[in-house]
């Protein structure tokens, strides 16, 4: 059995205490408290400078004042996401607080039994993407980045567990799961806006960004549609999940060029969302360098 370090054990204890506090506060107050705490702590962290540099590079027309305003709101969104972790399943069931746009695309694939990719970014209340699982049942799989701390990872997955939705960490297991789901008519949910060092260099806000190619490679090879999916925060604590029409898949007779074109279309979709609501994206990730 792998030995767990003292650092990991202390982190696990701290996370459990924080989640217990959130549960005691209740859903709405936990979200507000998480947002408040992140706004206080986040700007003092080293990654805040990286987030500022990223935003200025991606959105050069933004004033310094607007950059700081959006970064402040970014921390609020991230804090709310953390505060809502113990209540994610409750939120997914709350039809009064969650609006779904483009649900017809989910319905079509539930009925036809074919495979489909639903791609999204670390944007807004991104845990809403699990709503796909509520429609597809056991045919739905979410690919995610596992926490570095195995104790925290196990704890989060216990809270996230849902009989109608599989969560699989990215990597070799995730790649095998994606391929199997594509062959068997599954729905695969991917948050693929982060850097992959072994990926493909694709423009993102005018700068090359190493991008994970698996979704485009499988989509082009097996003719699997790719639907962008966007989660947003609305006024009054409400949320909206929008499923967009499938992206056009290029047929240039050159598989490498087709894959690149689809990855570029995905990145351009994320660019549009981020430009519209810069505070919703996870700017602290080292996406370019």
Foldseek 3Di string as FASTA:
>chain_A
DDDADPVLVVVLVVLVVLLVVLVVLDLPRLLQVLLVVLLVVVCVDPLLVLLLVLCCLLPVVDDPVVSVVLSSLLSSQVRSLSSCLLPLVVLLPPPVQEAEAPCVVLVVLLVVLAEAEEEEAQFGNVSNVCNSLVSNFCLEEEEAAADPRPSVRVVSCVSVDDNSYHYDYDDPRNLVVVLVSNVRRGYYYYHWQAADPPADFADASRATFRTHQSVLLCCQVSVHFYWYWDKHADPPRGIYIYTHDTDDFDDPVDSVVRSNVVVNVVSVVVSVVCVVRVSGHDSSGPGHD
